[in-house]
Amino acid sequence: MPVRKADAVWEGDIRGGNGKVSLGSGAFEGRYSFGSRFEEGAGTNPEELIGAAHAGCFSMALSGGLGRGGHTPKRIATTAKVHIEKVGEGFSITRIELDTQAEVPGIDDATFQEFAKKAKEGCPVSRALAGTEITLNAKLVG
């Protein structure tokens, strides 16, 4: 199995400095700062990148599970909201909310919910983040 890589460079102090993250594939490079992480400043942040990874992983896991179960999805759209909060002396990712909408012909909602639950529990990013509360709101559309 391949090993994935990403890089980060930070220059300066925590409040006045800034950094750059880049994916090893070259598909993304973005600036980040104290403002983009803990305020509403421009740029990306580690939590946003974790959210993108989690939404992508979950959507693929759900598609794979549905397919193995004989239900080919037409479309799966997932948003991951990553909550970072002050906990004690530092900051923690306290919760991730997965919100997904899927168009899956010929499936009832109860069956779909079972597949969604299994995808949430089994996707590699969910498993890596097992110490964080992960909630799921799955909606069958179309």
C-alpha atoms as a PDB file:
ATOM      1  CA  MET A   1       0.000   0.000   0.000  1.00  0.00           C
ATOM      2  CA  PRO A   2       1.243   3.503  -0.732  1.00  0.00           C
ATOM      3  CA  VAL A   3       2.412   5.910   1.944  1.00  0.00           C
ATOM      4  CA  ARG A   4       0.908   9.391   1.575  1.00  0.00           C
ATOM      5  CA  LYS A   5       2.889  12.509   2.398  1.00  0.00           C
ATOM      6  CA  ALA A   6       2.195  16.145   3.171  1.00  0.00           C
ATOM      7  CA  ASP A   7       4.539  18.929   4.237  1.00  0.00           C
ATOM      8  CA  ALA A   8       4.235  22.022   6.398  1.00  0.00           C
ATOM      9  CA  VAL A   9       6.596  24.930   6.979  1.00  0.00           C
ATOM     10  CA  TRP A  10       5.994  27.522   9.710  1.00  0.00           C
ATOM     11  CA  GLU A  11       7.940  30.786   9.931  1.00  0.00           C
ATOM     12  CA  GLY A  12       7.840  33.177  12.869  1.00  0.00           C
ATOM     13  CA  ASP A  13       6.051  33.241  16.179  1.00  0.00           C
ATOM     14  CA  ILE A  14       2.605  31.736  16.785  1.00  0.00           C
ATOM     15  CA  ARG A  15       0.572  34.954  16.392  1.00  0.00           C
ATOM     16  CA  GLY A  16       2.584  36.878  13.812  1.00  0.00           C
ATOM     17  CA  GLY A  17       4.019  34.036  11.803  1.00  0.00           C
ATOM     18  CA  ASN A  18       2.563  32.085   8.952  1.00  0.00           C
ATOM     19  CA  GLY A  19       2.951  28.781   7.257  1.00  0.00           C
ATOM     20  CA  LYS A  20       2.376  26.792   4.130  1.00  0.00           C
ATOM     21  CA  VAL A  21       1.028  23.275   3.770  1.00  0.00           C
ATOM     22  CA  SER A  22       1.361  21.216   0.631  1.00  0.00           C
ATOM     23  CA  LEU A  23       0.301  17.781  -0.469  1.00  0.00           C
ATOM     24  CA  GLY A  24       2.940  15.398  -1.728  1.00  0.00           C
ATOM     25  CA  SER A  25       0.887  14.821  -4.882  1.00  0.00           C
ATOM     26  CA  GLY A  26       1.088  18.533  -5.713  1.00  0.00           C
ATOM     27  CA  ALA A  27      -2.716  18.749  -5.861  1.00  0.00           C
ATOM     28  CA  PHE A  28      -2.932  21.410  -3.131  1.00  0.00           C
ATOM     29  CA  GLU A  29      -0.804  24.070  -1.506  1.00  0.00           C
ATOM     30  CA  GLY A  30      -2.180  26.607   0.950  1.00  0.00           C
ATOM     31  CA  ARG A  31      -1.149  29.282   3.419  1.00  0.00           C
ATOM     32  CA  TYR A  32      -2.186  29.193   7.056  1.00  0.00           C
ATOM     33  CA  SER A  33      -1.792  31.440  10.073  1.00  0.00           C
ATOM     34  CA  PHE A  34      -3.053  31.993  13.596  1.00  0.00           C
ATOM     35  CA  GLY A  35      -5.866  34.047  12.073  1.00  0.00           C
ATOM     36  CA  SER A  36      -6.951  31.347   9.622  1.00  0.00           C
ATOM     37  CA  ARG A  37      -6.906  28.735  12.368  1.00  0.00           C
ATOM     38  CA  PHE A  38      -8.348  30.410  15.452  1.00  0.00           C
ATOM     39  CA  GLU A  39     -10.129  33.439  13.966  1.00  0.00           C
ATOM     40  CA  GLU A  40     -11.783  34.193  10.620  1.00  0.00           C
ATOM     41  CA  GLY A  41      -8.605  35.064   8.698  1.00  0.00           C
ATOM     42  CA  ALA A  42      -7.870  34.085   5.112  1.00  0.00           C
ATOM     43  CA  GLY A  43      -6.147  30.800   4.397  1.00  0.00           C
ATOM     44  CA  THR A  44      -6.548  27.187   5.355  1.00  0.00           C
ATOM     45  CA  ASN A  45      -5.888  25.325   8.602  1.00  0.00           C
ATOM     46  CA  PRO A  46      -5.206  21.770   9.782  1.00  0.00           C
ATOM     47  CA  GLU A  47      -8.810  21.249  10.914  1.00  0.00           C
ATOM     48  CA  GLU A  48     -10.195  22.170   7.495  1.00  0.00           C
ATOM     49  CA  LEU A  49      -7.803  19.704   5.883  1.00  0.00           C
ATOM     50  CA  ILE A  50      -8.861  16.974   8.332  1.00  0.00           C
ATOM     51  CA  GLY A  51     -12.470  17.763   7.420  1.00  0.00           C
ATOM     52  CA  ALA A  52     -11.761  17.372   3.715  1.00  0.00           C
ATOM     53  CA  ALA A  53      -9.982  14.081   4.330  1.00  0.00           C
ATOM     54  CA  HIS A  54     -12.812  12.788   6.508  1.00  0.00           C
ATOM     55  CA  ALA A  55     -15.589  13.814   4.093  1.00  0.00           C
ATOM     56  CA  GLY A  56     -13.747  12.225   1.178  1.00  0.00           C
ATOM     57  CA  CYS A  57     -12.952   9.034   3.065  1.00  0.00           C
ATOM     58  CA  PHE A  58     -16.499   8.616   4.369  1.00  0.00           C
ATOM     59  CA  SER A  59     -18.050   9.222   0.927  1.00  0.00           C
ATOM     60  CA  MET A  60     -15.815   6.593  -0.653  1.00  0.00           C
ATOM     61  CA  ALA A  61     -16.453   4.109   2.162  1.00  0.00           C
ATOM     62  CA  LEU A  62     -20.207   4.606   1.827  1.00  0.00           C
ATOM     63  CA  SER A  63     -20.024   4.148  -1.945  1.00  0.00           C
ATOM     64  CA  GLY A  64     -17.977   0.974  -1.528  1.00  0.00           C
ATOM     65  CA  GLY A  65     -20.315  -0.507   1.068  1.00  0.00           C
ATOM     66  CA  LEU A  66     -23.405   0.307  -0.931  1.00  0.00           C
ATOM     67  CA  GLY A  67     -21.852  -1.177  -4.064  1.00  0.00           C
ATOM     68  CA  ARG A  68     -20.884  -4.405  -2.291  1.00  0.00           C
ATOM     69  CA  GLY A  69     -24.477  -4.565  -1.034  1.00  0.00           C
ATOM     70  CA  GLY A  70     -25.881  -4.305  -4.555  1.00  0.00           C
ATOM     71  CA  HIS A  71     -26.890  -0.621  -4.343  1.00  0.00           C
ATOM     72  CA  THR A  72     -24.934   1.565  -6.754  1.00  0.00           C
ATOM     73  CA  PRO A  73     -25.099   5.214  -5.637  1.00  0.00           C
ATOM     74  CA  LYS A  74     -25.586   7.975  -8.193  1.00  0.00           C
ATOM     75  CA  ARG A  75     -24.159  10.676  -5.927  1.00  0.00           C
ATOM     76  CA  ILE A  76     -22.866  11.092  -2.385  1.00  0.00           C
ATOM     77  CA  ALA A  77     -22.140  14.591  -1.038  1.00  0.00           C
ATOM     78  CA  THR A  78     -20.609  14.900   2.440  1.00  0.00           C
ATOM     79  CA  THR A  79     -19.673  17.884   4.591  1.00  0.00           C
ATOM     80  CA  ALA A  80     -17.469  17.457   7.665  1.00  0.00           C
ATOM     81  CA  LYS A  81     -17.614  20.178  10.310  1.00  0.00           C
ATOM     82  CA  VAL A  82     -14.537  19.995  12.534  1.00  0.00           C
ATOM     83  CA  HIS A  83     -14.871  21.709  15.923  1.00  0.00           C
ATOM     84  CA  ILE A  84     -11.703  22.981  17.615  1.00  0.00           C
ATOM     85  CA  GLU A  85     -12.087  24.310  21.154  1.00  0.00           C
ATOM     86  CA  LYS A  86      -9.976  25.399  24.086  1.00  0.00           C
ATOM     87  CA  VAL A  87      -9.720  22.479  26.499  1.00  0.00           C
ATOM     88  CA  GLY A  88      -7.673  23.081  29.614  1.00  0.00           C
ATOM     89  CA  GLU A  89      -4.387  24.730  28.675  1.00  0.00           C
ATOM     90  CA  GLY A  90      -4.548  23.825  24.991  1.00  0.00           C
ATOM     91  CA  PHE A  91      -6.831  23.211  22.047  1.00  0.00           C
ATOM     92  CA  SER A  92      -8.508  19.991  20.970  1.00  0.00           C
ATOM     93  CA  ILE A  93     -10.642  18.788  18.116  1.00  0.00           C
ATOM     94  CA  THR A  94     -13.705  17.993  20.196  1.00  0.00           C
ATOM     95  CA  ARG A  95     -16.194  16.867  17.582  1.00  0.00           C
ATOM     96  CA  ILE A  96     -16.668  16.168  13.903  1.00  0.00           C
ATOM     97  CA  GLU A  97     -20.119  16.329  12.346  1.00  0.00           C
ATOM     98  CA  LEU A  98     -20.554  14.363   9.131  1.00  0.00           C
ATOM     99  CA  ASP A  99     -23.539  15.490   7.087  1.00  0.00           C
ATOM    100  CA  THR A 100     -24.175  13.450   3.970  1.00  0.00           C
ATOM    101  CA  GLN A 101     -26.800  13.354   1.268  1.00  0.00           C
ATOM    102  CA  ALA A 102     -26.897  10.420  -1.103  1.00  0.00           C
ATOM    103  CA  GLU A 103     -28.898   9.514  -4.151  1.00  0.00           C
ATOM    104  CA  VAL A 104     -29.169   5.732  -4.224  1.00  0.00           C
ATOM    105  CA  PRO A 105     -31.853   4.246  -6.455  1.00  0.00           C
ATOM    106  CA  GLY A 106     -33.877   1.329  -5.111  1.00  0.00           C
ATOM    107  CA  ILE A 107     -32.864   1.478  -1.434  1.00  0.00           C
ATOM    108  CA  ASP A 108     -35.073   2.178   1.580  1.00  0.00           C
ATOM    109  CA  ASP A 109     -34.013   4.618   4.293  1.00  0.00           C
ATOM    110  CA  ALA A 110     -33.466   2.013   7.036  1.00  0.00           C
ATOM    111  CA  THR A 111     -31.082   0.025   4.832  1.00  0.00           C
ATOM    112  CA  PHE A 112     -29.303   3.208   3.757  1.00  0.00           C
ATOM    113  CA  GLN A 113     -28.841   4.275   7.394  1.00  0.00           C
ATOM    114  CA  GLU A 114     -27.178   0.923   8.185  1.00  0.00           C
ATOM    115  CA  PHE A 115     -24.717   1.379   5.314  1.00  0.00           C
ATOM    116  CA  ALA A 116     -24.014   4.968   6.413  1.00  0.00           C
ATOM    117  CA  LYS A 117     -23.367   3.876  10.005  1.00  0.00           C
ATOM    118  CA  LYS A 118     -20.969   1.148   8.871  1.00  0.00           C
ATOM    119  CA  ALA A 119     -19.135   3.624   6.621  1.00  0.00           C
ATOM    120  CA  LYS A 120     -18.742   6.085   9.513  1.00  0.00           C
ATOM    121  CA  GLU A 121     -17.335   3.376  11.764  1.00  0.00           C
ATOM    122  CA  GLY A 122     -15.127   1.766   9.133  1.00  0.00           C
ATOM    123  CA  CYS A 123     -13.576   4.484   7.013  1.00  0.00           C
ATOM    124  CA  PRO A 124      -9.839   4.770   7.766  1.00  0.00           C
ATOM    125  CA  VAL A 125     -10.046   8.459   8.717  1.00  0.00           C
ATOM    126  CA  SER A 126     -12.877   7.791  11.200  1.00  0.00           C
ATOM    127  CA  ARG A 127     -10.775   5.005  12.681  1.00  0.00           C
ATOM    128  CA  ALA A 128      -7.726   7.281  12.945  1.00  0.00           C
ATOM    129  CA  LEU A 129      -9.866   9.886  14.725  1.00  0.00           C
ATOM    130  CA  ALA A 130     -11.543   7.375  17.059  1.00  0.00           C
ATOM    131  CA  GLY A 131     -10.727   9.507  20.125  1.00  0.00           C
ATOM    132  CA  THR A 132     -12.971  12.283  18.794  1.00  0.00           C
ATOM    133  CA  GLU A 133     -16.772  12.302  18.920  1.00  0.00           C
ATOM    134  CA  ILE A 134     -18.046  11.771  15.376  1.00  0.00           C
ATOM    135  CA  THR A 135     -21.718  12.334  14.649  1.00  0.00           C
ATOM    136  CA  LEU A 136     -23.560  11.443  11.442  1.00  0.00           C
ATOM    137  CA  ASN A 137     -26.617  12.936   9.794  1.00  0.00           C
ATOM    138  CA  ALA A 138     -27.327  10.832   6.698  1.00  0.00           C
ATOM    139  CA  LYS A 139     -30.143  11.742   4.325  1.00  0.00           C
ATOM    140  CA  LEU A 140     -31.364   9.762   1.357  1.00  0.00           C
ATOM    141  CA  VAL A 141     -32.414  12.093  -1.469  1.00  0.00           C
ATOM    142  CA  GLY A 142     -33.856  11.752  -4.958  1.00  0.00           C
END
